[in-house]
Amino acid sequence: MHLPSVPRFVRITALSLFAALILAIAALLYDGLSDDLSKSDVAIVLGSKVELNGQPSIRLAARLDRAVQLYRDGIVPLIIVSGGPGIEGFDEGEVMRDYLVSKSVPVDRILIDSIGYNTGATARNSAAIMRAKGLTSATVVTQYFHISRTRLALRAQGIAPIRTAHAKLLEWRDVYSTLREVAAMVTYLPSFLAGDDAAD
């Protein structure tokens, strides 16, 4: 049975979209993996899943371990931990604080945002904390594929300069997470360019 040929414009469109996807993924990976370890007033650690036993998930622990390294190396003197109440019944911010304290970060060096439900909320809340403390520069600490969107969110809140340090963890599910992040950036960029700080 002879199948109808695909129209040329359809093939060109499909190839163009595929090329755009590849370029977007490459840009996301390059940005996320290219750390800027200049000194900042504060590190902002974005929350992630807490396990049923109340301990940080592997992904969250990797973010916190990177923040500990930044603190020990003198890159940042303060750490904001941002997360919300999870379905597991724990306050991510408190769990993150306790983990950092267990790694010998003084509790008075840790600032908690317990209503950082998503990227946009973390940016808004962290910016408010920073303004209250007279802080201006920040280092974002999250998974590499999440760096670009978090930076945009913080820029929309007037934070500058913004530096980055990605969590030292690679997982197979990063493939899915990266594709999802590209889709999130597509929906996020128009709101950022329009100056809408409510984008999540």
N, C-alpha and C. Protein backbone atom coordinates (compact mmCIF):
# COMPACT_ATOMS: atom_id res chain seq x y z
N MET A 1 0.84 -1.19 0.00
CA MET A 1 0.00 0.00 0.00
C MET A 1 0.88 1.25 0.00
N HIS A 2 0.60 2.15 -0.90
CA HIS A 2 1.41 3.36 -1.02
C HIS A 2 0.92 4.43 -0.06
N LEU A 3 1.81 4.87 0.81
CA LEU A 3 1.45 5.92 1.76
C LEU A 3 1.65 7.29 1.12
N PRO A 4 0.75 8.23 1.38
CA PRO A 4 0.90 9.57 0.81
C PRO A 4 2.15 10.24 1.35
N SER A 5 2.82 11.00 0.50
CA SER A 5 4.02 11.70 0.92
C SER A 5 3.67 12.89 1.81
N VAL A 6 4.57 13.19 2.71
CA VAL A 6 4.36 14.31 3.62
C VAL A 6 4.70 15.60 2.88
N PRO A 7 3.82 16.60 2.91
CA PRO A 7 4.10 17.86 2.22
C PRO A 7 5.42 18.46 2.69
N ARG A 8 6.08 19.15 1.76
CA ARG A 8 7.40 19.71 2.05
C ARG A 8 7.36 20.69 3.21
N PHE A 9 6.34 21.54 3.26
CA PHE A 9 6.29 22.54 4.34
C PHE A 9 6.11 21.89 5.71
N VAL A 10 5.45 20.72 5.73
CA VAL A 10 5.28 20.00 6.99
C VAL A 10 6.62 19.46 7.44
N ARG A 11 7.38 18.91 6.50
CA ARG A 11 8.71 18.38 6.85
C ARG A 11 9.62 19.50 7.34
N ILE A 12 9.58 20.63 6.65
CA ILE A 12 10.43 21.76 7.04
C ILE A 12 10.05 22.28 8.42
N THR A 13 8.74 22.37 8.66
CA THR A 13 8.26 22.84 9.96
C THR A 13 8.68 21.89 11.07
N ALA A 14 8.52 20.60 10.83
CA ALA A 14 8.90 19.60 11.84
C ALA A 14 10.39 19.65 12.13
N LEU A 15 11.20 19.76 11.09
CA LEU A 15 12.65 19.82 11.28
C LEU A 15 13.05 21.11 12.00
N SER A 16 12.37 22.20 11.69
CA SER A 16 12.68 23.47 12.35
C SER A 16 12.35 23.40 13.83
N LEU A 17 11.21 22.81 14.14
CA LEU A 17 10.82 22.68 15.55
C LEU A 17 11.79 21.77 16.30
N PHE A 18 12.21 20.70 15.64
CA PHE A 18 13.17 19.78 16.27
C PHE A 18 14.50 20.48 16.50
N ALA A 19 14.95 21.25 15.51
CA ALA A 19 16.21 21.99 15.67
C ALA A 19 16.10 23.01 16.79
N ALA A 20 14.94 23.69 16.88
CA ALA A 20 14.74 24.67 17.95
C ALA A 20 14.77 24.00 19.31
N LEU A 21 14.19 22.80 19.40
CA LEU A 21 14.20 22.05 20.66
C LEU A 21 15.62 21.68 21.06
N ILE A 22 16.40 21.21 20.11
CA ILE A 22 17.79 20.83 20.39
C ILE A 22 18.59 22.04 20.85
N LEU A 23 18.40 23.18 20.18
CA LEU A 23 19.12 24.40 20.57
C LEU A 23 18.71 24.86 21.95
N ALA A 24 17.41 24.75 22.26
CA ALA A 24 16.92 25.17 23.57
C ALA A 24 17.50 24.29 24.67
N ILE A 25 17.54 22.99 24.43
CA ILE A 25 18.11 22.06 25.40
C ILE A 25 19.60 22.37 25.60
N ALA A 26 20.31 22.59 24.49
CA ALA A 26 21.74 22.88 24.58
C ALA A 26 21.99 24.16 25.38
N ALA A 27 21.18 25.18 25.13
CA ALA A 27 21.35 26.45 25.85
C ALA A 27 21.06 26.27 27.33
N LEU A 28 20.02 25.49 27.63
CA LEU A 28 19.64 25.24 29.02
C LEU A 28 20.75 24.50 29.76
N LEU A 29 21.31 23.49 29.11
CA LEU A 29 22.37 22.71 29.73
C LEU A 29 23.64 23.53 29.91
N TYR A 30 23.99 24.30 28.90
CA TYR A 30 25.20 25.12 28.99
C TYR A 30 25.08 26.13 30.12
N ASP A 31 23.94 26.79 30.19
CA ASP A 31 23.72 27.79 31.23
C ASP A 31 23.73 27.14 32.62
N GLY A 32 23.06 26.02 32.74
CA GLY A 32 22.94 25.38 34.04
C GLY A 32 24.22 24.76 34.55
N LEU A 33 25.06 24.30 33.64
CA LEU A 33 26.30 23.63 34.04
C LEU A 33 27.49 24.58 34.14
N SER A 34 27.30 25.83 33.72
CA SER A 34 28.39 26.81 33.77
C SER A 34 28.27 27.64 35.05
N ASP A 35 28.81 27.13 36.12
CA ASP A 35 28.70 27.80 37.42
C ASP A 35 29.46 29.13 37.43
N ASP A 36 28.92 30.09 38.17
CA ASP A 36 29.58 31.36 38.45
C ASP A 36 29.77 31.43 39.96
N LEU A 37 30.98 31.17 40.41
CA LEU A 37 31.24 31.03 41.83
C LEU A 37 31.86 32.28 42.46
N SER A 38 31.48 33.45 41.93
CA SER A 38 31.91 34.70 42.56
C SER A 38 31.17 34.88 43.88
N LYS A 39 31.73 35.67 44.76
CA LYS A 39 31.11 35.86 46.07
C LYS A 39 29.76 36.57 45.94
N SER A 40 28.81 36.15 46.77
CA SER A 40 27.47 36.74 46.80
C SER A 40 27.06 36.98 48.25
N ASP A 41 26.05 37.83 48.41
CA ASP A 41 25.54 38.10 49.75
C ASP A 41 24.83 36.89 50.35
N VAL A 42 24.23 36.07 49.48
CA VAL A 42 23.42 34.97 49.98
C VAL A 42 23.27 33.90 48.91
N ALA A 43 23.13 32.64 49.34
CA ALA A 43 22.76 31.55 48.45
C ALA A 43 21.26 31.31 48.60
N ILE A 44 20.59 31.05 47.50
CA ILE A 44 19.17 30.71 47.53
C ILE A 44 19.02 29.27 47.07
N VAL A 45 18.61 28.40 47.98
CA VAL A 45 18.46 26.98 47.68
C VAL A 45 16.99 26.67 47.48
N LEU A 46 16.63 26.21 46.31
CA LEU A 46 15.24 25.90 46.02
C LEU A 46 14.87 24.52 46.56
N GLY A 47 13.67 24.42 47.07
CA GLY A 47 13.21 23.19 47.70
C GLY A 47 12.91 22.09 46.70
N SER A 48 12.80 20.89 47.22
CA SER A 48 12.42 19.72 46.45
C SER A 48 11.83 18.72 47.44
N LYS A 49 11.60 17.52 46.97
CA LYS A 49 10.87 16.53 47.77
C LYS A 49 11.57 16.18 49.08
N VAL A 50 10.74 16.05 50.12
CA VAL A 50 11.18 15.48 51.40
C VAL A 50 10.61 14.07 51.49
N GLU A 51 11.42 13.11 51.90
CA GLU A 51 10.96 11.72 51.98
C GLU A 51 10.00 11.52 53.15
N LEU A 52 9.32 10.39 53.15
CA LEU A 52 8.32 10.10 54.19
C LEU A 52 8.95 10.02 55.58
N ASN A 53 10.25 9.76 55.63
CA ASN A 53 10.94 9.70 56.93
C ASN A 53 11.41 11.08 57.40
N GLY A 54 11.06 12.11 56.65
CA GLY A 54 11.42 13.47 57.04
C GLY A 54 12.80 13.92 56.60
N GLN A 55 13.49 13.07 55.84
CA GLN A 55 14.82 13.43 55.36
C GLN A 55 14.75 13.99 53.93
N PRO A 56 15.68 14.87 53.58
CA PRO A 56 15.69 15.38 52.20
C PRO A 56 15.88 14.26 51.20
N SER A 57 15.20 14.37 50.07
CA SER A 57 15.42 13.42 48.98
C SER A 57 16.84 13.58 48.46
N ILE A 58 17.27 12.65 47.64
CA ILE A 58 18.62 12.73 47.08
C ILE A 58 18.83 14.04 46.33
N ARG A 59 17.81 14.44 45.59
CA ARG A 59 17.91 15.68 44.81
C ARG A 59 18.03 16.90 45.73
N LEU A 60 17.22 16.94 46.77
CA LEU A 60 17.26 18.07 47.69
C LEU A 60 18.57 18.08 48.48
N ALA A 61 19.02 16.91 48.90
CA ALA A 61 20.29 16.82 49.63
C ALA A 61 21.45 17.31 48.78
N ALA A 62 21.41 17.02 47.48
CA ALA A 62 22.48 17.47 46.59
C ALA A 62 22.51 19.00 46.52
N ARG A 63 21.34 19.62 46.50
CA ARG A 63 21.29 21.09 46.50
C ARG A 63 21.86 21.65 47.80
N LEU A 64 21.46 21.05 48.89
CA LEU A 64 21.93 21.53 50.20
C LEU A 64 23.42 21.31 50.38
N ASP A 65 23.92 20.18 49.91
CA ASP A 65 25.36 19.90 50.01
C ASP A 65 26.16 20.94 49.22
N ARG A 66 25.61 21.36 48.08
CA ARG A 66 26.31 22.39 47.30
C ARG A 66 26.32 23.71 48.05
N ALA A 67 25.22 24.03 48.72
CA ALA A 67 25.15 25.25 49.52
C ALA A 67 26.14 25.20 50.68
N VAL A 68 26.27 24.04 51.31
CA VAL A 68 27.24 23.87 52.39
C VAL A 68 28.64 24.14 51.86
N GLN A 69 28.94 23.61 50.68
CA GLN A 69 30.26 23.83 50.08
C GLN A 69 30.49 25.31 49.84
N LEU A 70 29.49 26.01 49.32
CA LEU A 70 29.62 27.45 49.07
C LEU A 70 29.89 28.20 50.37
N TYR A 71 29.19 27.82 51.42
CA TYR A 71 29.37 28.47 52.71
C TYR A 71 30.78 28.21 53.26
N ARG A 72 31.21 26.96 53.22
CA ARG A 72 32.53 26.61 53.75
C ARG A 72 33.66 27.26 52.96
N ASP A 73 33.43 27.45 51.66
CA ASP A 73 34.46 28.06 50.81
C ASP A 73 34.44 29.59 50.88
N GLY A 74 33.53 30.14 51.67
CA GLY A 74 33.48 31.59 51.81
C GLY A 74 32.85 32.31 50.64
N ILE A 75 32.13 31.57 49.80
CA ILE A 75 31.45 32.20 48.66
C ILE A 75 30.21 32.96 49.12
N VAL A 76 29.50 32.40 50.10
CA VAL A 76 28.31 33.06 50.65
C VAL A 76 28.35 33.01 52.18
N PRO A 77 27.91 34.09 52.86
CA PRO A 77 27.85 34.07 54.32
C PRO A 77 26.48 33.68 54.86
N LEU A 78 25.46 33.68 53.97
CA LEU A 78 24.10 33.37 54.38
C LEU A 78 23.46 32.43 53.37
N ILE A 79 22.47 31.67 53.84
CA ILE A 79 21.76 30.74 52.95
C ILE A 79 20.26 30.88 53.18
N ILE A 80 19.53 31.17 52.10
CA ILE A 80 18.07 31.13 52.14
C ILE A 80 17.62 29.76 51.68
N VAL A 81 16.82 29.08 52.48
CA VAL A 81 16.22 27.81 52.07
C VAL A 81 14.75 28.06 51.79
N SER A 82 14.31 27.69 50.60
CA SER A 82 12.95 28.03 50.18
C SER A 82 12.18 26.80 49.74
N GLY A 83 11.05 26.56 50.40
CA GLY A 83 10.19 25.44 50.03
C GLY A 83 8.86 25.58 50.75
N GLY A 84 7.92 24.77 50.38
CA GLY A 84 6.60 24.82 51.01
C GLY A 84 6.26 23.50 51.68
N PRO A 85 5.12 23.44 52.35
CA PRO A 85 4.66 22.19 52.94
C PRO A 85 4.42 21.15 51.84
N GLY A 86 5.05 19.99 51.96
CA GLY A 86 4.88 18.95 50.95
C GLY A 86 3.76 17.99 51.30
N ILE A 87 3.38 17.16 50.35
CA ILE A 87 2.31 16.19 50.58
C ILE A 87 2.74 15.15 51.61
N GLU A 88 4.04 15.06 51.87
CA GLU A 88 4.54 14.10 52.86
C GLU A 88 4.29 14.60 54.29
N GLY A 89 3.89 15.87 54.43
CA GLY A 89 3.55 16.41 55.74
C GLY A 89 4.67 17.19 56.42
N PHE A 90 5.71 17.53 55.68
CA PHE A 90 6.84 18.25 56.27
C PHE A 90 6.99 19.62 55.63
N ASP A 91 7.48 20.57 56.42
CA ASP A 91 7.82 21.89 55.92
C ASP A 91 9.22 21.79 55.30
N GLU A 92 9.30 21.94 53.99
CA GLU A 92 10.59 21.78 53.31
C GLU A 92 11.64 22.73 53.88
N GLY A 93 11.24 23.97 54.14
CA GLY A 93 12.19 24.95 54.66
C GLY A 93 12.81 24.50 55.97
N GLU A 94 12.00 23.97 56.87
CA GLU A 94 12.52 23.52 58.16
C GLU A 94 13.42 22.30 58.01
N VAL A 95 13.02 21.39 57.13
CA VAL A 95 13.86 20.20 56.87
C VAL A 95 15.20 20.62 56.30
N MET A 96 15.17 21.58 55.38
CA MET A 96 16.40 22.07 54.77
C MET A 96 17.29 22.73 55.81
N ARG A 97 16.70 23.55 56.67
CA ARG A 97 17.47 24.19 57.74
C ARG A 97 18.13 23.15 58.63
N ASP A 98 17.36 22.16 59.06
CA ASP A 98 17.90 21.14 59.96
C ASP A 98 19.05 20.37 59.31
N TYR A 99 18.92 20.11 58.01
CA TYR A 99 19.99 19.40 57.29
C TYR A 99 21.26 20.24 57.27
N LEU A 100 21.12 21.53 56.99
CA LEU A 100 22.29 22.40 56.97
C LEU A 100 22.95 22.49 58.34
N VAL A 101 22.13 22.57 59.39
CA VAL A 101 22.67 22.62 60.75
C VAL A 101 23.44 21.34 61.06
N SER A 102 22.91 20.21 60.56
CA SER A 102 23.60 18.93 60.79
C SER A 102 24.95 18.87 60.07
N LYS A 103 25.13 19.75 59.09
CA LYS A 103 26.40 19.84 58.36
C LYS A 103 27.27 20.99 58.88
N SER A 104 26.92 21.46 60.08
CA SER A 104 27.72 22.47 60.79
C SER A 104 27.59 23.89 60.24
N VAL A 105 26.48 24.17 59.55
CA VAL A 105 26.18 25.55 59.18
C VAL A 105 25.45 26.18 60.37
N PRO A 106 25.94 27.27 60.92
CA PRO A 106 25.27 27.89 62.08
C PRO A 106 23.84 28.28 61.75
N VAL A 107 22.94 28.06 62.68
CA VAL A 107 21.53 28.31 62.43
C VAL A 107 21.27 29.78 62.15
N ASP A 108 22.09 30.68 62.70
CA ASP A 108 21.88 32.10 62.45
C ASP A 108 22.38 32.54 61.07
N ARG A 109 22.94 31.62 60.33
CA ARG A 109 23.37 31.88 58.94
C ARG A 109 22.31 31.41 57.94
N ILE A 110 21.19 30.88 58.45
CA ILE A 110 20.16 30.29 57.60
C ILE A 110 18.88 31.09 57.71
N LEU A 111 18.30 31.46 56.57
CA LEU A 111 17.04 32.18 56.50
C LEU A 111 16.01 31.28 55.84
N ILE A 112 14.83 31.16 56.45
CA ILE A 112 13.83 30.20 55.97
C ILE A 112 12.69 30.90 55.25
N ASP A 113 12.36 30.41 54.07
CA ASP A 113 11.14 30.78 53.36
C ASP A 113 10.28 29.51 53.29
N SER A 114 9.23 29.47 54.07
CA SER A 114 8.39 28.26 54.13
C SER A 114 7.18 28.33 53.21
N ILE A 115 7.11 29.36 52.35
CA ILE A 115 6.00 29.45 51.39
C ILE A 115 6.54 29.59 49.97
N GLY A 116 7.70 28.97 49.75
CA GLY A 116 8.27 28.95 48.40
C GLY A 116 7.73 27.76 47.63
N TYR A 117 6.44 27.84 47.26
CA TYR A 117 5.74 26.71 46.65
C TYR A 117 6.24 26.38 45.25
N ASN A 118 6.79 27.35 44.56
CA ASN A 118 7.27 27.15 43.19
C ASN A 118 8.34 28.19 42.89
N THR A 119 8.86 28.17 41.68
CA THR A 119 9.97 29.06 41.32
C THR A 119 9.60 30.53 41.48
N GLY A 120 8.43 30.90 41.01
CA GLY A 120 8.01 32.29 41.12
C GLY A 120 7.87 32.74 42.56
N ALA A 121 7.28 31.89 43.40
CA ALA A 121 7.11 32.23 44.81
C ALA A 121 8.46 32.33 45.51
N THR A 122 9.37 31.43 45.21
CA THR A 122 10.71 31.49 45.79
C THR A 122 11.39 32.80 45.43
N ALA A 123 11.27 33.21 44.17
CA ALA A 123 11.89 34.46 43.74
C ALA A 123 11.29 35.65 44.49
N ARG A 124 9.98 35.70 44.60
CA ARG A 124 9.34 36.82 45.29
C ARG A 124 9.71 36.85 46.76
N ASN A 125 9.65 35.70 47.40
CA ASN A 125 9.92 35.63 48.83
C ASN A 125 11.39 35.90 49.14
N SER A 126 12.26 35.34 48.33
CA SER A 126 13.70 35.56 48.56
C SER A 126 14.06 37.02 48.35
N ALA A 127 13.47 37.66 47.34
CA ALA A 127 13.73 39.07 47.10
C ALA A 127 13.28 39.92 48.28
N ALA A 128 12.13 39.57 48.86
CA ALA A 128 11.63 40.31 50.02
C ALA A 128 12.56 40.14 51.22
N ILE A 129 13.03 38.91 51.43
CA ILE A 129 13.97 38.65 52.53
C ILE A 129 15.26 39.44 52.32
N MET A 130 15.75 39.44 51.09
CA MET A 130 16.99 40.13 50.79
C MET A 130 16.85 41.64 51.00
N ARG A 131 15.73 42.20 50.55
CA ARG A 131 15.53 43.64 50.75
C ARG A 131 15.48 43.99 52.24
N ALA A 132 14.83 43.14 53.01
CA ALA A 132 14.72 43.39 54.45
C ALA A 132 16.08 43.33 55.13
N LYS A 133 16.98 42.53 54.59
CA LYS A 133 18.31 42.36 55.18
C LYS A 133 19.37 43.25 54.52
N GLY A 134 18.97 44.02 53.51
CA GLY A 134 19.93 44.87 52.82
C GLY A 134 20.88 44.10 51.92
N LEU A 135 20.44 42.95 51.41
CA LEU A 135 21.27 42.11 50.55
C LEU A 135 20.92 42.38 49.08
N THR A 136 21.91 42.27 48.21
CA THR A 136 21.65 42.55 46.79
C THR A 136 22.00 41.39 45.86
N SER A 137 23.13 40.75 46.07
CA SER A 137 23.57 39.69 45.16
C SER A 137 23.20 38.32 45.71
N ALA A 138 22.97 37.39 44.79
CA ALA A 138 22.55 36.05 45.19
C ALA A 138 23.18 34.99 44.30
N THR A 139 23.39 33.80 44.87
CA THR A 139 23.81 32.63 44.11
C THR A 139 22.68 31.61 44.15
N VAL A 140 22.17 31.26 42.98
CA VAL A 140 21.10 30.27 42.87
C VAL A 140 21.68 28.87 43.01
N VAL A 141 21.06 28.05 43.83
CA VAL A 141 21.49 26.66 43.99
C VAL A 141 20.28 25.76 43.71
N THR A 142 20.35 25.03 42.62
CA THR A 142 19.29 24.11 42.25
C THR A 142 19.85 23.12 41.23
N GLN A 143 19.02 22.28 40.64
CA GLN A 143 19.48 21.37 39.59
C GLN A 143 19.84 22.18 38.35
N TYR A 144 20.79 21.70 37.57
CA TYR A 144 21.31 22.46 36.44
C TYR A 144 20.22 22.86 35.45
N PHE A 145 19.24 21.99 35.22
CA PHE A 145 18.21 22.30 34.23
C PHE A 145 17.24 23.37 34.73
N HIS A 146 17.28 23.68 36.01
CA HIS A 146 16.36 24.65 36.62
C HIS A 146 17.00 26.02 36.81
N ILE A 147 18.29 26.13 36.51
CA ILE A 147 19.04 27.36 36.75
C ILE A 147 18.48 28.53 35.93
N SER A 148 18.29 28.33 34.63
CA SER A 148 17.92 29.44 33.75
C SER A 148 16.60 30.08 34.16
N ARG A 149 15.59 29.28 34.43
CA ARG A 149 14.28 29.83 34.78
C ARG A 149 14.32 30.50 36.15
N THR A 150 15.08 29.94 37.07
CA THR A 150 15.20 30.57 38.39
C THR A 150 15.88 31.93 38.28
N ARG A 151 16.90 32.01 37.44
CA ARG A 151 17.58 33.29 37.24
C ARG A 151 16.62 34.34 36.68
N LEU A 152 15.81 33.93 35.70
CA LEU A 152 14.82 34.86 35.14
C LEU A 152 13.85 35.34 36.21
N ALA A 153 13.41 34.41 37.04
CA ALA A 153 12.45 34.77 38.09
C ALA A 153 13.04 35.78 39.06
N LEU A 154 14.30 35.60 39.42
CA LEU A 154 14.95 36.52 40.35
C LEU A 154 15.22 37.88 39.69
N ARG A 155 15.58 37.86 38.42
CA ARG A 155 15.77 39.12 37.71
C ARG A 155 14.48 39.92 37.67
N ALA A 156 13.37 39.22 37.50
CA ALA A 156 12.08 39.91 37.47
C ALA A 156 11.77 40.58 38.80
N GLN A 157 12.41 40.12 39.86
CA GLN A 157 12.23 40.70 41.19
C GLN A 157 13.30 41.74 41.52
N GLY A 158 14.15 42.06 40.56
CA GLY A 158 15.14 43.11 40.76
C GLY A 158 16.42 42.67 41.42
N ILE A 159 16.65 41.36 41.53
CA ILE A 159 17.88 40.87 42.15
C ILE A 159 19.02 40.91 41.13
N ALA A 160 20.15 41.48 41.52
CA ALA A 160 21.33 41.52 40.65
C ALA A 160 22.54 41.90 41.50
N PRO A 161 23.70 41.30 41.20
CA PRO A 161 23.89 40.24 40.22
C PRO A 161 23.42 38.89 40.75
N ILE A 162 23.16 37.98 39.80
CA ILE A 162 22.73 36.62 40.14
C ILE A 162 23.80 35.66 39.66
N ARG A 163 24.33 34.88 40.58
CA ARG A 163 25.32 33.87 40.24
C ARG A 163 24.72 32.48 40.42
N THR A 164 25.41 31.47 39.99
CA THR A 164 24.80 30.14 39.96
C THR A 164 25.76 29.05 40.40
N ALA A 165 25.18 28.01 41.00
CA ALA A 165 25.94 26.82 41.39
C ALA A 165 24.96 25.64 41.33
N HIS A 166 25.20 24.71 40.43
CA HIS A 166 24.25 23.60 40.28
C HIS A 166 24.58 22.45 41.23
N ALA A 167 23.54 21.73 41.61
CA ALA A 167 23.70 20.56 42.47
C ALA A 167 24.49 19.49 41.72
N LYS A 168 25.40 18.85 42.42
CA LYS A 168 26.27 17.84 41.81
C LYS A 168 25.58 16.48 41.80
N LEU A 169 24.58 16.36 40.94
CA LEU A 169 23.82 15.11 40.86
C LEU A 169 23.28 14.95 39.45
N LEU A 170 23.46 13.76 38.90
CA LEU A 170 22.88 13.41 37.61
C LEU A 170 21.99 12.20 37.79
N GLU A 171 20.78 12.27 37.22
CA GLU A 171 19.83 11.17 37.30
C GLU A 171 19.23 10.93 35.93
N TRP A 172 18.75 9.69 35.72
CA TRP A 172 18.10 9.39 34.45
C TRP A 172 16.85 10.24 34.23
N ARG A 173 16.18 10.59 35.31
CA ARG A 173 14.96 11.39 35.15
C ARG A 173 15.26 12.84 34.78
N ASP A 174 16.54 13.20 34.77
CA ASP A 174 16.91 14.53 34.31
C ASP A 174 16.50 14.75 32.85
N VAL A 175 16.45 13.66 32.07
CA VAL A 175 16.04 13.78 30.67
C VAL A 175 14.62 14.34 30.60
N TYR A 176 13.72 13.72 31.36
CA TYR A 176 12.35 14.21 31.42
C TYR A 176 12.29 15.61 32.01
N SER A 177 13.03 15.83 33.09
CA SER A 177 13.00 17.12 33.76
C SER A 177 13.49 18.24 32.85
N THR A 178 14.51 17.96 32.03
CA THR A 178 15.03 18.97 31.11
C THR A 178 14.00 19.31 30.05
N LEU A 179 13.34 18.30 29.49
CA LEU A 179 12.30 18.55 28.49
C LEU A 179 11.15 19.35 29.10
N ARG A 180 10.79 19.02 30.31
CA ARG A 180 9.72 19.75 30.99
C ARG A 180 10.12 21.19 31.24
N GLU A 181 11.40 21.39 31.55
CA GLU A 181 11.89 22.74 31.82
C GLU A 181 11.89 23.59 30.56
N VAL A 182 12.21 22.98 29.42
CA VAL A 182 12.13 23.71 28.15
C VAL A 182 10.70 24.19 27.91
N ALA A 183 9.74 23.30 28.16
CA ALA A 183 8.34 23.68 28.00
C ALA A 183 7.95 24.78 28.97
N ALA A 184 8.45 24.70 30.19
CA ALA A 184 8.15 25.72 31.19
C ALA A 184 8.74 27.07 30.78
N MET A 185 9.92 27.06 30.20
CA MET A 185 10.54 28.30 29.75
C MET A 185 9.72 28.95 28.65
N VAL A 186 9.16 28.13 27.76
CA VAL A 186 8.35 28.65 26.66
C VAL A 186 7.14 29.40 27.21
N THR A 187 6.53 28.87 28.25
CA THR A 187 5.36 29.53 28.84
C THR A 187 5.76 30.66 29.79
N TYR A 188 6.98 30.60 30.31
CA TYR A 188 7.43 31.58 31.30
C TYR A 188 7.96 32.86 30.67
N LEU A 189 8.67 32.73 29.56
CA LEU A 189 9.32 33.88 28.95
C LEU A 189 8.39 35.04 28.61
N PRO A 190 7.22 34.78 28.00
CA PRO A 190 6.35 35.93 27.69
C PRO A 190 5.97 36.73 28.92
N SER A 191 5.69 36.06 30.04
CA SER A 191 5.34 36.77 31.26
C SER A 191 6.53 37.57 31.77
N PHE A 192 7.73 37.00 31.67
CA PHE A 192 8.92 37.72 32.13
C PHE A 192 9.17 38.94 31.26
N LEU A 193 9.07 38.77 29.94
CA LEU A 193 9.33 39.88 29.03
C LEU A 193 8.30 40.99 29.18
N ALA A 194 7.09 40.60 29.61
CA ALA A 194 6.03 41.58 29.81
C ALA A 194 6.13 42.25 31.17
N GLY A 195 7.08 41.77 31.98
CA GLY A 195 7.26 42.34 33.31
C GLY A 195 6.26 41.82 34.33
N ASP A 196 5.69 40.65 34.08
CA ASP A 196 4.72 40.06 35.01
C ASP A 196 5.47 39.17 35.97
N ASP A 197 5.57 39.59 37.25
CA ASP A 197 6.34 38.81 38.22
C ASP A 197 5.54 37.68 38.84
N ALA A 198 4.36 37.42 38.30
CA ALA A 198 3.54 36.34 38.87
C ALA A 198 3.81 35.02 38.19
N ALA A 199 4.65 35.00 37.16
CA ALA A 199 4.93 33.75 36.47
C ALA A 199 5.55 32.75 37.43
N ASP A 200 5.11 31.50 37.37
CA ASP A 200 5.61 30.46 38.25
C ASP A 200 6.43 29.43 37.51
